[in-house]
N, C-alpha and C. Protein backbone atom coordinates (compact mmCIF):
# COMPACT_ATOMS: atom_id res chain seq x y z
N UNK A 1 16.40 -20.44 12.58
CA UNK A 1 15.80 -20.22 11.42
C UNK A 1 16.99 -20.73 10.38
N UNK A 2 16.51 -21.68 9.23
CA UNK A 2 17.55 -22.34 8.53
C UNK A 2 17.82 -20.96 7.41
N UNK A 3 19.03 -21.04 6.98
CA UNK A 3 19.48 -20.28 6.14
C UNK A 3 19.94 -20.75 4.71
N UNK A 4 20.03 -20.38 3.69
CA UNK A 4 20.53 -20.54 2.24
C UNK A 4 21.68 -19.48 1.80
N UNK A 5 22.70 -20.14 1.09
CA UNK A 5 23.42 -19.66 0.41
C UNK A 5 22.91 -19.08 -0.83
N UNK A 6 23.21 -17.74 -1.16
CA UNK A 6 22.71 -17.28 -2.72
C UNK A 6 23.94 -16.65 -3.13
N UNK A 7 23.90 -15.91 -4.42
CA UNK A 7 24.86 -15.31 -4.88
C UNK A 7 24.05 -14.03 -5.58
N UNK A 8 24.32 -12.84 -5.24
CA UNK A 8 23.93 -11.55 -5.45
C UNK A 8 24.81 -10.51 -6.52
N UNK A 9 24.45 -9.94 -7.15
CA UNK A 9 25.24 -8.76 -7.83
C UNK A 9 24.90 -7.56 -7.17
N UNK A 10 26.03 -6.77 -6.84
CA UNK A 10 25.60 -5.37 -6.37
C UNK A 10 26.73 -4.53 -6.91
N UNK A 11 26.29 -3.23 -7.15
CA UNK A 11 27.29 -2.18 -7.88
C UNK A 11 28.35 -2.25 -6.65
N UNK A 12 29.76 -2.11 -7.21
CA UNK A 12 31.15 -2.16 -6.30
C UNK A 12 31.06 -1.00 -5.17
N UNK A 13 30.77 -0.03 -5.73
CA UNK A 13 30.82 1.24 -5.07
C UNK A 13 29.86 1.21 -3.80
N UNK A 14 28.50 0.75 -4.04
CA UNK A 14 27.58 0.57 -2.85
C UNK A 14 28.21 -0.53 -1.97
N UNK A 15 28.54 -1.64 -2.39
CA UNK A 15 29.33 -2.54 -1.47
C UNK A 15 30.37 -2.02 -0.97
N UNK A 16 31.38 -1.17 -1.22
CA UNK A 16 32.17 -0.49 -0.37
C UNK A 16 31.74 0.38 0.88
N UNK A 17 30.68 1.34 0.09
CA UNK A 17 30.09 1.99 1.35
C UNK A 17 29.51 1.40 2.35
N UNK A 18 28.70 0.36 2.19
CA UNK A 18 28.11 -0.67 2.94
C UNK A 18 29.42 -1.18 4.41
N UNK A 19 30.08 -1.69 3.26
CA UNK A 19 31.19 -2.41 4.05
C UNK A 19 31.90 -1.60 5.33
N UNK A 20 31.90 -0.02 4.72
CA UNK A 20 32.97 0.61 5.61
C UNK A 20 31.63 1.09 6.71
N UNK A 21 30.82 0.77 6.75
CA UNK A 21 29.82 1.14 7.90
C UNK A 21 29.21 0.00 8.75
N UNK A 22 29.52 -1.33 8.15
CA UNK A 22 28.96 -2.24 8.99
C UNK A 22 29.67 -3.25 9.78
N UNK A 23 30.93 -2.78 10.19
CA UNK A 23 31.83 -3.60 10.22
C UNK A 23 31.56 -4.90 11.34
N UNK A 24 31.00 -4.76 12.18
CA UNK A 24 30.91 -5.61 13.30
C UNK A 24 29.34 -6.67 12.88
N UNK A 25 28.75 -6.11 12.47
CA UNK A 25 27.50 -6.53 12.00
C UNK A 25 27.19 -7.74 10.90
N UNK A 26 28.21 -7.37 10.11
CA UNK A 26 28.41 -8.37 9.14
C UNK A 26 27.79 -8.08 7.89
N UNK A 27 27.97 -8.36 6.37
CA UNK A 27 27.56 -8.15 5.34
C UNK A 27 26.29 -8.97 5.17
N UNK A 28 26.02 -10.25 5.66
CA UNK A 28 24.97 -11.24 5.47
C UNK A 28 23.92 -10.54 6.44
N UNK A 29 24.36 -10.33 7.66
CA UNK A 29 23.31 -9.53 8.37
C UNK A 29 22.74 -8.36 8.05
N UNK A 30 23.25 -7.60 7.26
CA UNK A 30 22.88 -6.31 6.93
C UNK A 30 21.99 -6.58 5.59
N UNK A 31 22.38 -7.18 4.63
CA UNK A 31 21.55 -7.78 3.62
C UNK A 31 20.29 -8.33 4.08
N UNK A 32 20.28 -9.07 4.98
CA UNK A 32 19.12 -9.90 5.42
C UNK A 32 17.95 -8.72 6.08
N UNK A 33 18.76 -7.82 6.86
CA UNK A 33 17.96 -6.89 7.52
C UNK A 33 17.47 -6.03 6.01
N UNK A 34 17.97 -5.70 5.14
CA UNK A 34 17.60 -5.02 4.15
C UNK A 34 16.57 -5.23 3.18
N UNK A 35 16.59 -6.74 2.98
CA UNK A 35 15.40 -7.60 2.09
C UNK A 35 14.47 -7.52 3.08
N UNK A 36 14.48 -7.91 4.45
CA UNK A 36 13.52 -7.73 5.37
C UNK A 36 12.58 -6.54 5.61
N UNK A 37 13.21 -5.30 5.57
CA UNK A 37 12.64 -3.91 5.45
C UNK A 37 12.29 -4.07 4.02
N UNK A 38 12.67 -4.14 3.02
CA UNK A 38 12.03 -3.89 1.71
C UNK A 38 10.64 -5.08 1.36
N UNK A 39 10.83 -6.27 1.95
CA UNK A 39 9.56 -6.99 2.12
C UNK A 39 8.40 -6.10 3.08
N UNK A 40 8.92 -5.61 4.20
CA UNK A 40 8.01 -4.87 5.14
C UNK A 40 7.17 -3.80 4.27
N UNK A 41 8.19 -2.97 3.35
CA UNK A 41 7.74 -1.66 2.85
C UNK A 41 6.85 -2.07 1.46
N UNK A 42 7.02 -3.44 0.91
CA UNK A 42 6.03 -3.96 -0.28
C UNK A 42 4.59 -4.24 0.64
N UNK A 43 4.86 -4.84 1.74
CA UNK A 43 3.43 -5.38 2.49
C UNK A 43 2.63 -4.13 2.81
N UNK A 44 3.48 -2.91 3.14
CA UNK A 44 2.79 -1.71 3.49
C UNK A 44 2.12 -0.96 2.19
N UNK A 45 2.79 -1.19 1.23
CA UNK A 45 2.38 -0.62 -0.12
C UNK A 45 0.96 -1.38 -0.18
N UNK A 46 0.88 -2.61 -0.31
CA UNK A 46 -0.08 -3.51 -0.48
C UNK A 46 -1.68 -3.13 0.38
N UNK A 47 -1.25 -3.29 1.18
CA UNK A 47 -2.16 -2.64 2.60
C UNK A 47 -2.55 -1.09 2.00
N UNK A 48 -1.94 -0.43 1.53
CA UNK A 48 -2.22 1.19 1.06
C UNK A 48 -3.25 1.02 0.05
N UNK A 49 -2.86 0.15 -0.96
CA UNK A 49 -3.71 -0.08 -1.75
C UNK A 49 -4.89 -0.42 -1.46
N UNK A 50 -5.13 -1.47 -0.84
CA UNK A 50 -6.59 -2.10 -0.03
C UNK A 50 -6.80 -0.69 0.55
N UNK A 51 -6.42 -0.22 1.15
CA UNK A 51 -7.04 0.92 1.95
C UNK A 51 -7.63 2.00 1.35
N UNK A 52 -6.99 2.63 0.18
CA UNK A 52 -7.31 3.47 -0.86
C UNK A 52 -8.60 2.82 -1.33
N UNK A 53 -8.40 1.54 -1.82
CA UNK A 53 -9.74 1.11 -2.51
C UNK A 53 -11.20 0.96 -1.74
N UNK A 54 -10.78 0.90 -0.48
CA UNK A 54 -11.96 0.95 0.50
C UNK A 54 -12.06 2.32 1.00
N UNK A 55 -11.33 3.25 1.06
CA UNK A 55 -11.61 4.34 1.84
C UNK A 55 -11.28 5.81 0.93
N UNK A 56 -10.88 5.52 -0.34
CA UNK A 56 -10.56 6.68 -1.24
C UNK A 56 -9.07 6.94 -1.41
N UNK A 57 -8.88 7.88 -1.90
CA UNK A 57 -7.36 8.15 -2.46
C UNK A 57 -7.11 9.11 -1.43
N UNK A 58 -5.82 9.40 -1.14
CA UNK A 58 -5.29 10.51 -0.19
C UNK A 58 -5.34 12.01 -0.49
N UNK A 59 -5.98 12.88 0.27
CA UNK A 59 -6.00 14.10 -0.46
C UNK A 59 -4.89 14.83 -0.57
N UNK A 60 -4.89 15.81 -1.31
CA UNK A 60 -3.59 16.79 -1.53
C UNK A 60 -3.16 17.12 -0.14
N UNK A 61 -4.00 17.47 0.72
CA UNK A 61 -3.70 18.23 1.97
C UNK A 61 -3.18 17.17 2.78
N UNK A 62 -3.56 15.90 2.66
CA UNK A 62 -3.25 14.70 3.71
C UNK A 62 -1.78 14.60 3.10
N UNK A 63 -1.42 14.39 1.76
CA UNK A 63 -0.22 14.00 1.68
C UNK A 63 0.63 15.46 1.80
N UNK A 64 0.69 16.50 1.75
CA UNK A 64 1.29 17.60 2.02
C UNK A 64 1.88 17.37 3.80
N UNK A 65 0.72 17.10 4.46
CA UNK A 65 1.07 17.02 5.71
C UNK A 65 2.00 15.71 6.23
N UNK A 66 1.96 14.89 5.42
CA UNK A 66 2.68 13.23 5.77
C UNK A 66 4.08 13.87 5.42
N UNK A 67 4.05 14.60 4.09
CA UNK A 67 5.48 15.25 3.50
C UNK A 67 6.17 15.93 4.68
N UNK A 68 5.40 16.94 5.32
CA UNK A 68 5.95 17.72 6.07
C UNK A 68 6.55 17.05 7.63
N UNK A 69 5.77 15.86 7.72
CA UNK A 69 5.89 15.03 8.88
C UNK A 69 7.41 14.31 8.53
N UNK A 70 7.42 13.77 7.44
CA UNK A 70 8.49 13.02 7.31
C UNK A 70 10.08 13.74 6.95
N UNK A 71 9.50 15.22 6.48
CA UNK A 71 10.70 16.09 6.33
C UNK A 71 11.25 16.46 7.80
N UNK A 72 10.28 16.78 8.71
CA UNK A 72 10.77 16.93 10.10
C UNK A 72 11.46 15.45 10.87
N UNK A 73 10.92 14.16 10.51
CA UNK A 73 11.81 13.19 10.91
C UNK A 73 13.15 13.08 10.43
N UNK A 74 13.14 13.32 8.88
CA UNK A 74 14.61 13.42 8.31
C UNK A 74 15.54 14.39 9.29
N UNK A 75 14.91 15.48 9.26
CA UNK A 75 15.82 16.67 9.80
C UNK A 75 16.27 16.27 11.11
N UNK A 76 15.47 15.54 12.04
CA UNK A 76 15.79 15.13 13.29
C UNK A 76 16.79 13.78 13.13
N UNK A 77 16.62 13.04 12.22
CA UNK A 77 17.66 12.00 11.85
C UNK A 77 19.16 12.77 11.39
N UNK A 78 19.00 13.82 10.62
CA UNK A 78 20.33 14.29 10.36
C UNK A 78 20.88 15.18 11.62
N UNK A 79 20.00 15.93 12.56
CA UNK A 79 20.82 16.58 13.29
C UNK A 79 21.32 15.44 14.69
N UNK A 80 20.54 14.33 14.90
CA UNK A 80 21.36 13.37 15.59
C UNK A 80 22.44 13.00 15.41
N UNK A 81 22.38 12.40 13.85
CA UNK A 81 24.01 12.03 13.13
C UNK A 81 24.92 12.97 13.53
N UNK A 82 24.57 14.53 13.29
CA UNK A 82 25.73 15.34 13.62
C UNK A 82 25.96 15.48 15.12
N UNK A 83 25.28 15.46 15.93
CA UNK A 83 25.37 15.09 17.41
C UNK A 83 26.33 14.27 17.61
N UNK A 84 26.25 13.07 16.88
CA UNK A 84 27.26 12.01 17.09
C UNK A 84 28.54 12.29 16.62
N UNK A 85 28.76 13.40 15.78
CA UNK A 85 30.27 13.59 15.29
C UNK A 85 30.04 13.25 13.97
N UNK A 86 29.10 13.20 13.16
CA UNK A 86 28.84 13.06 11.88
C UNK A 86 28.97 11.39 11.32
N UNK A 87 28.91 10.44 12.04
CA UNK A 87 29.11 9.14 11.95
C UNK A 87 28.00 8.65 10.95
N UNK A 88 28.35 8.47 9.61
CA UNK A 88 27.52 7.74 8.60
C UNK A 88 26.65 8.82 8.30
N UNK A 89 26.84 10.22 8.35
CA UNK A 89 26.06 11.37 7.87
C UNK A 89 25.33 11.14 6.65
N UNK A 90 24.25 11.39 6.71
CA UNK A 90 23.24 11.20 5.21
C UNK A 90 23.31 12.33 4.57
């Protein structure tokens, strides 16, 4: 895949945090992954808008169920990080 060098501006504190966690991967690879993930979220949002137009809005009950499932996933993530000795704890 061809690459292109660009310049971006990022808060210094955030950059320091990221560099402290990514040592071996490298900053360019990390930023590429972050941009790709954001692009994927944008596409999912677009799909969600289309589905809502086609099938109607998500109900309050459906949203509450999804929120509970996300809370459970987040708790599991925290549990696993703690089990690894707190590496990069959220």
